[in-house]
């Protein structure tokens, strides 16, 4: 449906005139000026303030479709696939160990499903005691399970009624000179360093590489950022190394205990933390 068709259906039967000109929607006449935040244009029509409509992308519209969006994932703060699908009827996750968790849709095991991650079809051929779909729930932005009647274009592997789609949270990914850096990889490496109790990695604009990794960590005792840098150099690739490392009293967390890298980056940019403890050379 085009924007013109959508607007026509929305205003159908109201008698309100409209037009779309240069990407701007002009609705109504001069008699409605001043209402709903509108302003009178030179030709007597009313130009409405921008209206933002947000939805969850990725849906196929199936009757039995289940979409777990970013807000729900962030609210539940899952640590495994079992946590992601907890409470969803018709979807079960076997095993309590993440390495061996398999997803079942209406009793059909995931090796018989069309599983995709960011559009890439998964082979799902791993030793039977291991999970075939390994993904960190912290990287998920959306999960779409089409558990209803499979549409004609569902393709092979739709025995359980369609698709099992995972969409990763790419907005957290750091692009360093064209190479992707996943913040959790950096955080996991730093958390293995003795003395460090918490850590968060996020992006910072860089005029040479486009983006660079910035690291904020907390510890009970003061730790020299150069020591953290040296630890990272032994456990990470060169493009994953943090260029700025800062120790803080506590890493900011949301009410549900989850870290929002975007929020931490905004706080850092606004100067909410102390002066950087280290500006490392490349």
Protein backbone atom coordinates (compact mmCIF):
# COMPACT_ATOMS: atom_id res chain seq x y z
CA UNK A 1 0.00 0.00 0.00
CA UNK A 2 1.39 3.39 -1.02
CA UNK A 3 1.33 6.41 1.34
CA UNK A 4 -1.34 8.00 -0.86
CA UNK A 5 -3.55 4.91 -0.62
CA UNK A 6 -3.03 4.67 3.14
CA UNK A 7 -3.97 8.33 3.64
CA UNK A 8 -7.01 7.97 1.40
CA UNK A 9 -8.24 5.01 3.45
CA UNK A 10 -7.55 6.84 6.73
CA UNK A 11 -9.58 9.91 5.70
CA UNK A 12 -12.26 8.02 3.82
CA UNK A 13 -15.74 9.35 4.62
CA UNK A 14 -14.51 12.33 6.64
CA UNK A 15 -14.84 14.87 3.84
CA UNK A 16 -11.39 16.20 4.66
CA UNK A 17 -9.30 17.14 1.64
CA UNK A 18 -5.62 16.35 1.40
CA UNK A 19 -2.63 16.28 -0.89
CA UNK A 20 0.99 15.12 -0.75
CA UNK A 21 3.49 17.59 -2.11
CA UNK A 22 7.29 17.19 -1.98
CA UNK A 23 7.02 14.68 0.84
CA UNK A 24 4.73 16.92 2.92
CA UNK A 25 1.13 15.95 3.68
CA UNK A 26 -1.29 18.89 3.50
CA UNK A 27 -4.64 18.12 5.12
CA UNK A 28 -7.79 20.22 5.61
CA UNK A 29 -8.61 23.87 5.00
CA UNK A 30 -7.91 27.21 6.66
CA UNK A 31 -10.94 26.77 8.98
CA UNK A 32 -9.02 24.07 10.85
CA UNK A 33 -5.92 26.19 11.35
CA UNK A 34 -4.60 26.27 14.86
CA UNK A 35 -6.01 22.90 15.83
CA UNK A 36 -4.03 19.75 16.47
CA UNK A 37 -0.82 21.74 16.35
CA UNK A 38 -1.35 22.68 12.69
CA UNK A 39 -0.30 25.91 11.04
CA UNK A 40 -2.06 27.75 8.20
CA UNK A 41 -0.20 27.67 4.88
CA UNK A 42 -0.25 30.46 2.30
CA UNK A 43 -2.98 28.74 0.26
CA UNK A 44 -5.26 28.42 3.29
CA UNK A 45 -4.62 24.75 3.97
CA UNK A 46 -3.34 23.36 7.26
CA UNK A 47 0.08 21.72 7.46
CA UNK A 48 0.07 19.19 10.26
CA UNK A 49 3.00 18.57 12.55
CA UNK A 50 4.98 15.39 11.76
CA UNK A 51 3.31 12.21 12.99
CA UNK A 52 5.60 9.31 13.83
CA UNK A 53 4.27 5.78 13.43
CA UNK A 54 6.47 2.94 14.67
CA UNK A 55 5.99 -0.76 14.14
CA UNK A 56 7.89 -4.01 14.35
CA UNK A 57 9.54 -4.93 11.08
CA UNK A 58 9.86 -8.50 9.91
CA UNK A 59 6.29 -9.72 10.24
CA UNK A 60 4.81 -11.92 7.55
CA UNK A 61 1.23 -11.53 8.71
CA UNK A 62 0.49 -15.19 9.45
CA UNK A 63 -2.45 -16.06 11.69
CA UNK A 64 -0.21 -17.95 14.10
CA UNK A 65 2.74 -15.57 13.86
CA UNK A 66 4.58 -14.65 17.04
CA UNK A 67 6.85 -11.60 17.05
CA UNK A 68 9.12 -10.87 19.98
CA UNK A 69 10.31 -7.31 19.50
CA UNK A 70 13.22 -5.29 20.82
CA UNK A 71 11.28 -3.75 23.72
CA UNK A 72 10.10 -7.13 24.97
CA UNK A 73 13.57 -8.64 24.65
CA UNK A 74 15.09 -5.72 26.53
CA UNK A 75 12.42 -5.91 29.24
CA UNK A 76 12.85 -9.66 29.78
CA UNK A 77 16.66 -9.45 29.67
CA UNK A 78 17.07 -13.06 28.39
CA UNK A 79 20.25 -15.00 29.01
CA UNK A 80 19.33 -18.00 26.83
CA UNK A 81 16.90 -19.01 24.09
CA UNK A 82 14.70 -20.54 26.78
CA UNK A 83 14.30 -17.07 28.29
CA UNK A 84 13.52 -15.57 24.86
CA UNK A 85 10.58 -17.92 24.25
CA UNK A 86 9.38 -18.27 27.83
CA UNK A 87 5.61 -17.85 28.01
CA UNK A 88 5.07 -18.26 24.27
CA UNK A 89 2.46 -20.96 23.53
CA UNK A 90 3.43 -23.59 21.01
CA UNK A 91 7.17 -22.93 21.39
CA UNK A 92 9.35 -25.00 23.68
CA UNK A 93 13.09 -24.98 24.27
CA UNK A 94 14.75 -28.17 25.44
CA UNK A 95 17.59 -28.45 27.97
CA UNK A 96 18.69 -26.01 30.64
CA UNK A 97 22.16 -25.60 29.12
CA UNK A 98 22.49 -22.96 26.36
CA UNK A 99 24.94 -25.15 24.41
CA UNK A 100 22.33 -27.89 24.04
CA UNK A 101 19.10 -25.88 23.79
CA UNK A 102 16.94 -26.68 20.78
CA UNK A 103 13.78 -24.85 19.74
CA UNK A 104 10.57 -26.80 19.08
CA UNK A 105 7.61 -25.21 17.29
CA UNK A 106 4.43 -27.24 17.81
CA UNK A 107 6.64 -30.18 18.73
CA UNK A 108 8.74 -29.97 15.55
CA UNK A 109 12.46 -29.70 16.25
CA UNK A 110 14.47 -26.82 14.74
CA UNK A 111 16.39 -29.03 12.30
CA UNK A 112 13.06 -29.40 10.47
CA UNK A 113 12.41 -25.63 10.46
CA UNK A 114 13.47 -22.88 8.09
CA UNK A 115 15.78 -21.01 10.48
CA UNK A 116 17.42 -17.74 9.39
CA UNK A 117 19.68 -15.24 11.14
CA UNK A 118 19.78 -11.79 9.51
CA UNK A 119 18.40 -13.35 6.34
CA UNK A 120 20.99 -16.14 6.14
CA UNK A 121 19.59 -19.68 6.10
CA UNK A 122 21.11 -21.88 8.81
CA UNK A 123 22.34 -25.38 7.94
CA UNK A 124 21.36 -26.84 11.31
CA UNK A 125 23.63 -29.86 11.00
CA UNK A 126 25.42 -30.30 14.31
CA UNK A 127 25.97 -33.37 16.50
CA UNK A 128 22.57 -34.27 17.91
CA UNK A 129 23.41 -33.55 21.55
CA UNK A 130 24.35 -29.95 20.74
CA UNK A 131 22.17 -26.98 19.88
CA UNK A 132 22.02 -26.18 16.18
CA UNK A 133 21.17 -22.48 16.56
CA UNK A 134 23.69 -20.72 18.80
CA UNK A 135 23.10 -17.00 19.22
CA UNK A 136 23.64 -14.68 22.16
CA UNK A 137 20.22 -13.30 23.23
CA UNK A 138 21.95 -10.00 24.01
CA UNK A 139 22.49 -9.52 20.28
CA UNK A 140 18.85 -10.09 19.35
CA UNK A 141 16.65 -7.28 18.14
CA UNK A 142 13.69 -9.31 16.92
CA UNK A 143 12.49 -12.92 16.75
CA UNK A 144 9.72 -13.90 14.34
CA UNK A 145 8.09 -17.33 14.53
CA UNK A 146 5.48 -18.08 11.88
CA UNK A 147 3.78 -20.99 13.62
CA UNK A 148 0.56 -20.94 11.63
CA UNK A 149 -0.27 -22.41 8.24
CA UNK A 150 2.81 -22.15 6.04
CA UNK A 151 2.42 -19.71 3.11
CA UNK A 152 3.28 -20.84 -0.40
CA UNK A 153 6.55 -18.90 -0.40
CA UNK A 154 7.78 -20.30 2.93
CA UNK A 155 10.05 -22.68 1.05
CA UNK A 156 11.54 -25.91 2.37
CA UNK A 157 11.75 -26.54 6.10
CA UNK A 158 8.29 -25.15 6.85
CA UNK A 159 6.94 -28.35 8.36
CA UNK A 160 5.96 -26.60 11.59
CA UNK A 161 4.16 -23.85 9.73
CA UNK A 162 6.74 -21.42 8.44
CA UNK A 163 9.86 -19.61 9.54
CA UNK A 164 11.96 -19.15 12.65
CA UNK A 165 13.68 -15.80 12.07
CA UNK A 166 16.30 -14.13 14.25
CA UNK A 167 17.32 -10.51 13.62
CA UNK A 168 20.44 -9.30 15.40
CA UNK A 169 20.87 -5.96 17.10
CA UNK A 170 23.18 -4.49 14.46
CA UNK A 171 22.93 -0.98 15.88
CA UNK A 172 25.36 -2.05 18.63
CA UNK A 173 27.91 -3.37 16.12
CA UNK A 174 31.03 -1.22 15.76
CA UNK A 175 32.42 -0.78 12.25
CA UNK A 176 36.18 -0.27 12.44
CA UNK A 177 37.59 0.39 8.97
CA UNK A 178 35.00 -1.94 7.45
CA UNK A 179 35.51 -4.70 10.05
CA UNK A 180 32.66 -5.54 12.41
CA UNK A 181 33.34 -5.57 16.14
CA UNK A 182 30.71 -7.05 18.42
CA UNK A 183 30.83 -5.26 21.79
CA UNK A 184 30.11 -8.42 23.75
CA UNK A 185 33.26 -10.05 22.38
CA UNK A 186 35.27 -7.16 23.83
CA UNK A 187 33.34 -7.20 27.10
CA UNK A 188 33.76 -10.97 27.53
CA UNK A 189 37.53 -10.68 27.04
CA UNK A 190 37.82 -7.79 29.51
CA UNK A 191 35.67 -9.53 32.13
CA UNK A 192 38.19 -12.37 32.24
CA UNK A 193 40.84 -9.96 33.54
CA UNK A 194 41.34 -10.41 37.31
CA UNK A 195 39.86 -7.58 39.36
CA UNK A 196 37.37 -6.25 36.81
CA UNK A 197 33.78 -6.58 37.98
CA UNK A 198 31.84 -5.01 35.10
CA UNK A 199 32.49 -3.63 31.63
CA UNK A 200 30.70 -2.17 28.62
CA UNK A 201 32.07 -1.51 25.14
CA UNK A 202 30.48 0.89 22.66
CA UNK A 203 31.26 2.86 19.55
CA UNK A 204 32.87 6.27 19.25
CA UNK A 205 33.25 8.17 15.97
CA UNK A 206 36.78 8.22 14.58
CA UNK A 207 37.89 10.39 11.66
CA UNK A 208 40.33 7.76 10.39
CA UNK A 209 38.61 4.42 11.00
CA UNK A 210 35.01 5.66 10.97
CA UNK A 211 34.36 4.18 14.41
CA UNK A 212 36.48 2.90 17.27
CA UNK A 213 35.84 0.86 20.39
CA UNK A 214 35.47 2.70 23.69
CA UNK A 215 35.55 0.74 26.96
CA UNK A 216 34.21 1.65 30.38
CA UNK A 217 34.87 -0.72 33.26
CA UNK A 218 34.50 -0.90 37.02
CA UNK A 219 36.63 -2.63 39.64
CA UNK A 220 36.99 -2.69 43.41
CA UNK A 221 40.55 -1.36 43.14
CA UNK A 222 42.13 1.12 40.77
CA UNK A 223 43.48 -0.59 37.65
CA UNK A 224 45.87 1.07 35.25
CA UNK A 225 44.11 1.41 31.87
CA UNK A 226 47.40 0.50 30.20
CA UNK A 227 47.16 -2.88 31.89
CA UNK A 228 43.67 -3.31 30.49
CA UNK A 229 44.95 -2.31 27.08
CA UNK A 230 47.75 -4.87 27.30
CA UNK A 231 45.28 -7.56 28.38
CA UNK A 232 43.06 -6.76 25.40
CA UNK A 233 46.00 -6.89 22.99
CA UNK A 234 46.67 -10.49 24.10
CA UNK A 235 43.05 -11.61 23.80
CA UNK A 236 41.56 -9.57 20.95
CA UNK A 237 42.30 -8.75 17.34
CA UNK A 238 43.84 -5.36 16.57
CA UNK A 239 40.60 -3.85 15.21
CA UNK A 240 38.79 -4.92 18.42
CA UNK A 241 41.15 -3.05 20.75
CA UNK A 242 39.60 -0.18 22.72
CA UNK A 243 41.14 3.16 21.82
CA UNK A 244 39.74 4.81 24.94
CA UNK A 245 39.57 3.07 28.30
CA UNK A 246 37.95 4.59 31.37
CA UNK A 247 37.44 3.24 34.88
CA UNK A 248 34.25 4.34 36.64
CA UNK A 249 32.72 3.64 40.03
CA UNK A 250 29.84 1.67 38.51
CA UNK A 251 28.79 0.89 34.96
CA UNK A 252 25.34 2.50 34.34
CA UNK A 253 22.51 -0.02 34.15
CA UNK A 254 18.79 0.29 33.52
CA UNK A 255 16.09 -0.56 36.04
CA UNK A 256 15.96 -4.16 34.79
CA UNK A 257 19.71 -4.53 35.31
CA UNK A 258 20.47 -4.49 31.60
CA UNK A 259 23.14 -2.27 30.03
CA UNK A 260 22.06 0.01 27.20
CA UNK A 261 25.20 0.63 25.14
CA UNK A 262 23.45 3.43 23.28
CA UNK A 263 22.59 5.19 26.54
CA UNK A 264 26.13 4.76 27.89
CA UNK A 265 27.55 6.18 24.65
CA UNK A 266 25.25 9.20 24.92
CA UNK A 267 26.27 9.73 28.54
CA UNK A 268 29.93 9.51 27.58
CA UNK A 269 29.46 12.00 24.76
CA UNK A 270 27.66 14.37 27.12
CA UNK A 271 30.60 14.25 29.56
CA UNK A 272 28.76 12.32 32.28
CA UNK A 273 31.92 10.43 33.14
CA UNK A 274 35.29 11.70 34.31
CA UNK A 275 37.99 12.68 31.83
CA UNK A 276 39.24 9.66 29.87
CA UNK A 277 41.90 7.79 31.77
CA UNK A 278 43.66 6.84 28.59
CA UNK A 279 43.64 7.88 24.95
CA UNK A 280 45.57 4.98 23.45
CA UNK A 281 47.58 5.18 20.27
CA UNK A 282 46.70 2.80 17.46
